[in-house]
Protein backbone atom coordinates (compact mmCIF):
# COMPACT_ATOMS: atom_id res chain seq x y z
CA UNK A 1 121.63 113.18 89.81
CA UNK A 2 123.51 109.98 88.96
CA UNK A 3 122.74 107.35 86.34
CA UNK A 4 123.56 103.74 85.54
CA UNK A 5 124.47 102.80 81.97
CA UNK A 6 123.70 99.09 81.58
CA UNK A 7 124.74 96.95 78.64
CA UNK A 8 122.25 94.10 78.72
CA UNK A 9 122.59 90.50 77.65
CA UNK A 10 125.53 89.48 79.83
CA UNK A 11 125.14 86.33 81.89
CA UNK A 12 126.30 86.50 85.49
CA UNK A 13 128.34 83.79 87.16
CA UNK A 14 129.93 83.31 90.54
CA UNK A 15 129.29 83.93 94.21
CA UNK A 16 127.83 86.94 95.95
CA UNK A 17 127.42 87.70 99.65
CA UNK A 18 124.35 89.74 100.61
CA UNK A 19 124.84 92.91 102.59
CA UNK A 20 123.53 93.37 106.11
CA UNK A 21 119.77 93.84 106.36
CA UNK A 22 118.83 97.48 105.79
CA UNK A 23 115.59 97.39 107.78
CA UNK A 24 117.21 95.67 110.75
CA UNK A 25 120.14 98.08 110.74
CA UNK A 26 117.84 101.09 110.98
CA UNK A 27 116.11 99.62 114.04
CA UNK A 28 119.11 98.39 116.01
CA UNK A 29 121.05 101.60 115.39
CA UNK A 30 118.15 103.55 116.93
CA UNK A 31 118.17 101.09 119.84
CA UNK A 32 121.66 102.31 120.78
CA UNK A 33 119.89 105.43 122.11
CA UNK A 34 118.48 103.35 124.99
CA UNK A 35 121.75 103.23 126.93
CA UNK A 36 124.70 105.46 127.77
CA UNK A 37 127.05 102.50 127.36
CA UNK A 38 128.80 101.50 124.09
CA UNK A 39 126.84 99.37 121.61
CA UNK A 40 128.81 97.61 118.89
CA UNK A 41 126.95 96.58 115.73
CA UNK A 42 128.47 94.37 113.03
CA UNK A 43 127.50 93.80 109.38
CA UNK A 44 126.06 97.32 109.00
CA UNK A 45 125.29 97.94 105.29
CA UNK A 46 127.08 100.97 103.81
CA UNK A 47 124.01 102.42 102.11
CA UNK A 48 122.54 105.89 101.90
CA UNK A 49 119.59 105.38 104.29
CA UNK A 50 121.82 103.94 107.01
CA UNK A 51 124.44 106.65 106.52
CA UNK A 52 121.74 109.34 106.79
CA UNK A 53 120.46 107.84 110.04
CA UNK A 54 123.95 107.61 111.51
CA UNK A 55 124.51 111.25 110.55
CA UNK A 56 121.33 112.24 112.43
CA UNK A 57 122.49 110.34 115.51
CA UNK A 58 125.88 112.05 115.37
CA UNK A 59 124.19 115.46 115.16
CA UNK A 60 122.15 114.76 118.31
CA UNK A 61 125.29 113.86 120.24
CA UNK A 62 125.84 110.13 119.74
CA UNK A 63 129.52 109.22 119.50
CA UNK A 64 130.10 107.02 116.43
CA UNK A 65 133.31 105.08 115.88
CA UNK A 66 133.56 103.55 112.40
CA UNK A 67 135.75 100.49 112.83
CA UNK A 68 135.63 99.31 109.21
CA UNK A 69 134.22 96.16 107.62
CA UNK A 70 130.68 97.26 108.49
CA UNK A 71 131.34 97.46 112.25
CA UNK A 72 130.27 100.56 114.19
CA UNK A 73 130.45 101.53 117.86
CA UNK A 74 127.70 103.83 119.14
CA UNK A 75 127.62 105.59 122.52
CA UNK A 76 124.65 107.81 123.37
CA UNK A 77 125.88 109.32 126.63
CA UNK A 78 125.15 112.98 125.83
CA UNK A 79 122.01 113.76 123.80
CA UNK A 80 121.46 117.27 122.43
CA UNK A 81 117.68 117.76 122.54
CA UNK A 82 117.99 121.34 121.26
CA UNK A 83 119.23 120.08 117.89
CA UNK A 84 116.03 118.03 117.58
CA UNK A 85 114.07 121.30 117.40
CA UNK A 86 116.07 122.82 114.54
CA UNK A 87 115.35 123.21 110.84
CA UNK A 88 118.51 121.21 110.11
CA UNK A 89 117.02 118.23 111.92
CA UNK A 90 113.73 118.64 110.04
CA UNK A 91 115.61 118.67 106.74
CA UNK A 92 117.69 115.59 107.63
CA UNK A 93 114.62 113.65 108.77
CA UNK A 94 112.77 114.37 105.54
CA UNK A 95 115.30 112.21 103.69
CA UNK A 96 114.65 108.98 105.58
CA UNK A 97 111.58 107.29 107.05
CA UNK A 98 113.59 105.53 109.78
CA UNK A 99 114.14 108.86 111.54
CA UNK A 100 110.75 108.31 113.21
CA UNK A 101 112.27 105.40 115.18
CA UNK A 102 114.28 107.69 117.43
CA UNK A 103 111.00 108.53 119.22
CA UNK A 104 110.61 105.24 121.08
CA UNK A 105 114.08 105.01 122.61
CA UNK A 106 114.26 108.71 123.51
CA UNK A 107 110.80 108.65 125.08
CA UNK A 108 111.55 105.47 127.02
CA UNK A 109 114.92 106.63 128.34
CA UNK A 110 114.40 110.37 128.86
CA UNK A 111 110.62 110.80 129.08
CA UNK A 112 110.66 113.21 126.15
CA UNK A 113 111.26 112.94 122.43
CA UNK A 114 111.12 115.02 119.28
CA UNK A 115 110.87 113.86 115.70
CA UNK A 116 110.26 115.48 112.35
CA UNK A 117 107.94 114.26 109.63
CA UNK A 118 109.91 111.41 108.02
CA UNK A 119 110.75 110.92 104.35
CA UNK A 120 111.32 107.68 102.47
CA UNK A 121 109.85 105.98 99.42
CA UNK A 122 106.76 107.49 97.78
CA UNK A 123 104.90 104.21 97.45
CA UNK A 124 101.53 105.24 98.84
CA UNK A 125 100.07 106.17 102.19
CA UNK A 126 102.24 105.23 105.16
CA UNK A 127 100.44 106.60 108.24
CA UNK A 128 102.09 106.84 111.66
CA UNK A 129 98.89 106.09 113.56
CA UNK A 130 100.21 102.86 115.09
CA UNK A 131 103.20 104.68 116.58
CA UNK A 132 101.34 107.56 118.18
CA UNK A 133 98.30 105.61 119.38
CA UNK A 134 100.67 103.15 121.05
CA UNK A 135 102.72 105.89 122.72
CA UNK A 136 99.51 107.47 123.98
CA UNK A 137 98.37 104.19 125.53
CA UNK A 138 101.73 103.98 127.32
CA UNK A 139 100.99 107.37 128.85
CA UNK A 140 102.73 109.78 126.50
CA UNK A 141 101.30 113.21 125.71
CA UNK A 142 101.43 114.17 122.04
CA UNK A 143 101.90 117.68 120.65
CA UNK A 144 102.53 118.92 117.14
CA UNK A 145 104.06 122.41 117.43
CA UNK A 146 103.95 122.85 113.65
CA UNK A 147 103.23 120.89 110.50
CA UNK A 148 106.70 119.32 110.49
CA UNK A 149 107.41 118.43 114.13
CA UNK A 150 106.20 115.86 116.66
CA UNK A 151 106.77 116.24 120.40
CA UNK A 152 106.12 113.55 123.02
CA UNK A 153 106.46 113.72 126.79
CA UNK A 154 105.79 111.15 129.52
CA UNK A 155 106.17 111.13 133.29
CA UNK A 156 106.65 108.21 133.27
CA UNK A 157 105.66 105.64 130.62
CA UNK A 158 103.55 102.85 132.12
CA UNK A 159 103.06 99.39 130.70
CA UNK A 160 99.71 98.43 129.22
CA UNK A 161 97.99 95.83 127.05
CA UNK A 162 97.96 97.25 123.51
CA UNK A 163 96.23 95.75 120.48
CA UNK A 164 97.97 97.34 117.50
CA UNK A 165 95.69 98.58 114.74
CA UNK A 166 98.07 97.03 112.18
CA UNK A 167 101.18 94.85 112.26
CA UNK A 168 103.45 97.79 111.48
CA UNK A 169 107.15 96.89 111.49
CA UNK A 170 108.46 100.34 112.42
CA UNK A 171 105.49 100.91 114.74
CA UNK A 172 106.18 97.68 116.62
CA UNK A 173 109.89 98.50 116.85
CA UNK A 174 109.19 101.98 118.19
CA UNK A 175 106.79 100.71 120.85
CA UNK A 176 109.10 97.88 121.92
CA UNK A 177 111.96 100.34 122.38
CA UNK A 178 109.74 102.64 124.44
CA UNK A 179 108.28 99.83 126.56
CA UNK A 180 111.55 98.19 127.65
CA UNK A 181 112.16 101.08 130.07
CA UNK A 182 108.49 101.70 131.01
CA UNK A 183 107.08 100.90 134.43
CA UNK A 184 105.37 97.53 134.65
CA UNK A 185 104.33 95.10 131.91
CA UNK A 186 103.49 95.97 128.32
CA UNK A 187 101.75 93.47 126.07
CA UNK A 188 101.77 94.11 122.32
CA UNK A 189 99.27 91.99 120.36
CA UNK A 190 99.19 92.01 116.55
CA UNK A 191 102.87 92.94 116.69
CA UNK A 192 104.96 92.62 113.54
CA UNK A 193 107.10 89.50 113.70
CA UNK A 194 109.56 90.01 110.83
CA UNK A 195 113.13 88.81 111.39
CA UNK A 196 114.05 92.46 111.97
CA UNK A 197 111.88 92.46 115.10
CA UNK A 198 113.28 89.09 116.18
CA UNK A 199 116.76 90.56 115.95
CA UNK A 200 115.84 93.82 117.68
CA UNK A 201 114.19 92.05 120.62
CA UNK A 202 117.11 89.62 120.94
CA UNK A 203 119.54 92.54 121.01
CA UNK A 204 117.46 94.37 123.64
CA UNK A 205 117.35 91.25 125.84
CA UNK A 206 121.13 91.08 125.56
CA UNK A 207 121.15 94.67 126.83
CA UNK A 208 119.13 93.68 129.90
CA UNK A 209 115.53 93.99 128.67
CA UNK A 210 112.91 91.38 129.52
CA UNK A 211 110.97 90.53 126.36
CA UNK A 212 109.17 87.23 125.80
CA UNK A 213 107.26 85.94 122.79
CA UNK A 214 110.07 86.95 120.44
CA UNK A 215 109.29 85.93 116.86
CA UNK A 216 105.52 85.90 117.46
CA UNK A 217 102.81 88.55 117.18
CA UNK A 218 102.32 88.61 120.96
CA UNK A 219 105.18 90.34 122.75
CA UNK A 220 105.29 90.67 126.54
CA UNK A 221 107.71 93.29 127.86
CA UNK A 222 108.50 93.72 131.53
CA UNK A 223 110.07 97.12 131.98
CA UNK A 224 113.50 97.46 133.56
CA UNK A 225 115.25 100.44 135.08
CA UNK A 226 118.30 100.54 132.87
CA UNK A 227 119.91 98.90 129.83
CA UNK A 228 123.61 98.29 129.24
CA UNK A 229 125.80 97.98 126.17
CA UNK A 230 126.10 94.93 123.93
CA UNK A 231 127.51 93.57 120.70
CA UNK A 232 125.10 92.65 117.90
CA UNK A 233 125.44 91.24 114.37
CA UNK A 234 122.89 92.11 111.69
CA UNK A 235 121.33 89.38 109.54
CA UNK A 236 121.94 89.25 105.78
CA UNK A 237 119.41 91.29 103.80
CA UNK A 238 116.59 89.02 102.67
CA UNK A 239 115.47 91.64 100.11
CA UNK A 240 118.88 91.51 98.43
CA UNK A 241 118.73 87.71 98.48
CA UNK A 242 115.33 87.75 96.75
CA UNK A 243 116.62 90.33 94.26
CA UNK A 244 119.56 88.09 93.34
CA UNK A 245 117.28 85.06 92.89
CA UNK A 246 115.12 86.93 90.38
CA UNK A 247 118.14 88.50 88.69
CA UNK A 248 119.77 85.11 88.16
CA UNK A 249 116.65 83.59 86.61
CA UNK A 250 115.79 86.34 84.13
CA UNK A 251 119.41 86.78 82.95
CA UNK A 252 119.97 82.98 82.58
CA UNK A 253 122.76 83.20 85.11
CA UNK A 254 124.30 80.72 87.52
CA UNK A 255 124.71 82.25 90.96
CA UNK A 256 125.56 81.13 94.47
CA UNK A 257 124.21 83.45 97.15
CA UNK A 258 126.31 82.85 100.25
CA UNK A 259 125.61 83.12 103.97
CA UNK A 260 121.85 83.67 103.61
CA UNK A 261 120.65 82.82 107.14
CA UNK A 262 118.12 80.60 105.38
CA UNK A 263 116.06 79.97 108.53
CA UNK A 264 115.02 83.65 108.43
CA UNK A 265 113.94 83.81 104.76
CA UNK A 266 110.33 82.77 105.34
CA UNK A 267 108.33 82.31 102.13
CA UNK A 268 110.85 84.02 99.85
CA UNK A 269 112.34 80.84 98.31
CA UNK A 270 108.87 79.27 98.12
CA UNK A 271 107.33 82.18 96.18
CA UNK A 272 110.17 82.34 93.67
CA UNK A 273 109.93 78.57 93.22
CA UNK A 274 106.23 79.07 92.29
CA UNK A 275 107.53 81.16 89.38
CA UNK A 276 109.39 78.05 88.24
CA UNK A 277 112.84 78.98 89.56
CA UNK A 278 115.04 76.20 90.87
CA UNK A 279 116.62 77.10 94.20
CA UNK A 280 119.00 74.64 95.82
CA UNK A 281 119.88 75.15 99.46
CA UNK A 282 123.47 74.11 100.14
CA UNK A 283 124.10 74.57 103.84
CA UNK A 284 123.47 78.26 104.43
CA UNK A 285 123.95 79.11 100.75
CA UNK A 286 121.41 79.26 97.93
CA UNK A 287 122.44 78.04 94.46
CA UNK A 288 120.48 79.25 91.42
CA UNK A 289 121.36 77.20 88.31
CA UNK A 290 121.13 78.64 84.79
CA UNK A 291 117.53 78.68 83.55
CA UNK A 292 116.83 78.46 79.83
CA UNK A 293 113.17 78.32 80.81
CA UNK A 294 111.15 78.61 83.98
CA UNK A 295 107.42 77.96 84.09
CA UNK A 296 104.92 79.60 86.42
CA UNK A 297 102.84 77.11 88.37
CA UNK A 298 99.05 77.13 88.30
CA UNK A 299 96.94 76.89 91.40
CA UNK A 300 95.68 73.41 92.25
CA UNK A 301 92.29 74.16 90.63
CA UNK A 302 93.99 75.24 87.41
CA UNK A 303 93.47 78.97 87.95
CA UNK A 304 96.16 81.60 87.43
CA UNK A 305 98.76 81.95 90.17
CA UNK A 306 98.49 85.02 92.39
CA UNK A 307 101.51 86.42 94.21
CA UNK A 308 100.55 88.90 96.90
CA UNK A 309 102.26 90.57 99.82
CA UNK A 310 101.26 90.10 103.44
CA UNK A 311 102.60 90.77 106.94
CA UNK A 312 105.29 88.32 108.00
CA UNK A 313 105.43 85.36 107.65
CA UNK A 314 103.71 86.26 104.37
CA UNK A 315 105.65 87.41 101.31
CA UNK A 316 107.35 90.72 102.02
CA UNK A 317 106.03 93.71 100.02
CA UNK A 318 109.62 94.80 99.33
CA UNK A 319 109.98 91.91 96.87
CA UNK A 320 106.74 92.37 94.94
CA UNK A 321 108.54 94.51 92.33
CA UNK A 322 111.24 91.87 91.96
CA UNK A 323 108.72 89.03 91.55
CA UNK A 324 106.92 91.05 88.88
CA UNK A 325 109.99 91.75 86.78
CA UNK A 326 111.19 88.15 87.14
CA UNK A 327 107.89 86.89 85.72
CA UNK A 328 108.38 88.85 82.48
CA UNK A 329 110.48 86.08 80.89
CA UNK A 330 108.69 83.15 82.55
CA UNK A 331 106.42 80.71 80.75
CA UNK A 332 102.83 81.34 81.80
CA UNK A 333 100.97 84.16 83.53
CA UNK A 334 100.73 85.49 87.07
CA UNK A 335 98.65 88.08 88.89
CA UNK A 336 100.78 90.35 91.08
CA UNK A 337 98.73 91.84 93.92
CA UNK A 338 100.41 94.57 95.93
CA UNK A 339 97.97 94.92 98.82
CA UNK A 340 99.83 97.19 101.20
CA UNK A 341 100.92 100.18 99.07
CA UNK A 342 98.89 101.66 96.25
CA UNK A 343 101.77 103.30 94.35
CA UNK A 344 104.33 100.52 94.29
CA UNK A 345 103.35 99.21 90.83
CA UNK A 346 103.52 102.59 89.13
CA UNK A 347 106.82 101.72 87.43
CA UNK A 348 105.15 99.04 85.28
CA UNK A 349 104.73 101.39 82.32
CA UNK A 350 108.52 101.55 82.00
CA UNK A 351 108.63 97.76 81.67
CA UNK A 352 105.84 97.91 79.06
CA UNK A 353 107.98 100.34 77.06
CA UNK A 354 110.73 97.70 77.11
CA UNK A 355 108.36 95.12 75.62
CA UNK A 356 107.03 93.38 78.71
CA UNK A 357 103.47 92.08 78.47
CA UNK A 358 101.90 93.55 81.59
CA UNK A 359 98.26 94.48 82.11
CA UNK A 360 97.87 97.07 84.84
CA UNK A 361 94.51 96.20 86.40
CA UNK A 362 94.37 98.92 89.06
CA UNK A 363 96.81 100.64 91.48
CA UNK A 364 97.24 97.39 93.42
CA UNK A 365 97.21 94.68 90.74
CA UNK A 366 99.03 93.80 87.53
CA UNK A 367 98.92 90.69 85.35
CA UNK A 368 102.19 89.57 83.79
CA UNK A 369 101.99 87.42 80.65
CA UNK A 370 105.38 85.73 80.44
CA UNK A 371 107.37 86.06 77.23
CA UNK A 372 109.16 82.71 77.70
CA UNK A 373 112.18 84.04 75.75
CA UNK A 374 110.21 84.59 72.52
CA UNK A 375 112.06 87.90 72.39
CA UNK A 376 114.24 89.90 74.73
CA UNK A 377 113.30 93.19 76.35
CA UNK A 378 114.34 96.38 74.57
CA UNK A 379 116.76 98.86 76.09
CA UNK A 380 115.27 102.07 77.46
CA UNK A 381 115.94 105.29 79.34
CA UNK A 382 114.22 105.16 82.74
CA UNK A 383 114.17 106.85 86.14
CA UNK A 384 114.19 105.04 89.48
CA UNK A 385 111.08 106.02 91.49
CA UNK A 386 111.99 104.16 94.70
CA UNK A 387 114.50 101.63 96.03
CA UNK A 388 112.80 98.39 95.02
CA UNK A 389 111.38 99.58 91.71
CA UNK A 390 114.84 100.92 90.87
CA UNK A 391 116.43 97.50 91.33
CA UNK A 392 113.57 95.88 89.38
CA UNK A 393 114.39 98.22 86.48
CA UNK A 394 118.08 97.35 86.85
CA UNK A 395 117.22 93.64 86.62
CA UNK A 396 115.12 94.28 83.50
CA UNK A 397 117.98 96.26 81.92
CA UNK A 398 120.47 93.47 82.63
CA UNK A 399 118.25 91.08 80.67
CA UNK A 400 117.49 93.46 77.79
CA UNK A 401 119.10 93.90 74.38
CA UNK A 402 121.21 96.99 73.96
CA UNK A 403 122.21 99.74 76.37
CA UNK A 404 119.76 101.10 78.94
CA UNK A 405 120.02 104.14 81.20
CA UNK A 406 118.54 104.37 84.69
CA UNK A 407 118.46 107.85 86.14
CA UNK A 408 118.01 108.95 89.77
CA UNK A 409 119.96 105.93 91.02
CA UNK A 410 120.43 107.64 94.37
CA UNK A 411 117.18 105.81 95.16
CA UNK A 412 118.96 102.49 94.58
CA UNK A 413 121.90 103.71 96.68
CA UNK A 414 119.51 104.03 99.62
CA UNK A 415 119.11 100.25 99.85
CA UNK A 416 121.84 98.45 97.90
CA UNK A 417 125.52 98.62 98.81
CA UNK A 418 128.10 99.16 96.05
CA UNK A 419 125.79 97.36 93.63
CA UNK A 420 127.64 98.30 90.43
CA UNK A 421 131.00 96.84 91.49
CA UNK A 422 129.43 93.73 92.99
CA UNK A 423 127.44 92.92 89.84
CA UNK A 424 130.34 93.76 87.52
CA UNK A 425 132.44 91.25 89.45
CA UNK A 426 129.86 88.65 88.39
CA UNK A 427 130.06 89.59 84.71
CA UNK A 428 127.63 92.49 84.35
CA UNK A 429 128.53 95.60 82.35
CA UNK A 430 127.32 98.62 84.30
CA UNK A 431 128.82 102.10 84.42
CA UNK A 432 127.89 104.82 86.86
CA UNK A 433 127.82 108.44 85.75
CA UNK A 434 127.70 111.05 88.51
C-alpha cells in the first residue's frame, strides 16, 4: 500500500494540462473490439484503471502497440474466448468496473460474449440491470454459469426500440456498441448523453456506424455489417478540470487550466461559480485567480444553496466530493446532495477530524458551514476510500496546516495521472512512499 505525505499551506501557481478523460478512454478502448482493423487512440490517460483494461484486452488477444505520448494502437483480429472463462479473467475484472463494457462489442461482433462481475469504487449500489435488460431486448440470451460470470449469446442481435430504465453511462455505451452491428434499427430513449457518449458515437460513426441523435438522450442506430479502423482523440478529463478549480480556490492559488474543451464542460464552471469562485475563460483555457475569500451564493428566495448531482447535462456525481471539500473554506453554507450513490459522502468524517464544519444529514446529504478562513484545517492521517474522495482528501491536505498522510493512494492512481509530480511542479510539497 502506498501513501502520500503532504505538507500543507503551499500556494500553487502556473499552468496545468488535464489528462485525457478516464471515462471516455474506457469506452473507446472497448470499442476497438468491434473491428479487426487497427484503431489508433490519442490522449489516453496513463492511469491504473485504463492500464488494467488494456491488460485485459491484451490477455484476450488484442494486439496493443504503445506509441508513447498517450497514443495507443489496438487491433482485435484474434480474440481468445477461452481466456474469458478463466479464473485469471475473473480476478482481473474484479479490479475495474469498465470490464463490463467488453460485453457489447463482443456480442455485437461475434454473437457471444463473456464477462465477470466487475469491480470499481465502493460508492453504493451500481446495478447492471440496464445492460442486461437492453441486451435481452436486442435478442440476447443471458446465462450466469456461476456467481462470478455472465454469458450472453445471440443469433443474431436485432434492432428494437428500447426505453432504458435509467440514463446509465456504461449501460448506454454497452448497448450502442452492441447495436451498431445488429440487424435493423435500434432506438435508445433515455440514453445517457455525457460527452463520453458523444465521443464514443462520433468515433463509431467514423468507423462506419450509422448513429444519429448524438449528444441527445434519443439515439437512433441503423445496424451495419462491418466496421473499419479509425483514429480518435480523447477529450480532456472534465473531472480533473473540476478538481483543479476547487483545488485552486481552497489553497488560494492562481492556476491556468489549459486546453479544457470548454464546450464539453456543461454545468461544471457554473456550479463552482455558485460557490463564489471566479473562473475566467480565455479561449479554451480556464484561469482561476487567487481567492482570499469566496462567498457561496444564496438561492433567489434567500434559502441555502443546494448542489446536487444529476444525469448529464446536470452536475456530474464525480465532482460532488470536490464541491464539498471546496466549500469548507467558503463564506456561507451549502447543502451537498449526492442523489445517485449512497456511500459517496462517507469520507466526510475525515474532513470533520481536520476541523471542517460539516453536518452529515443522511447517507445522501451533508451541510457544509464554510469557515471563511477563520482557521485552517488541521493535518491528519487518512485513507483514500475511492478515486474522487481520495482527491478530495488530497485537496483538503494541501490547504491544511502541517503534514498530512493519505494512505491507500492506489485508489487515486486509478483516476489521476502522475498527480504528485504535476502538483509539485505547481509548488505543492507531496512525497509518495511505496
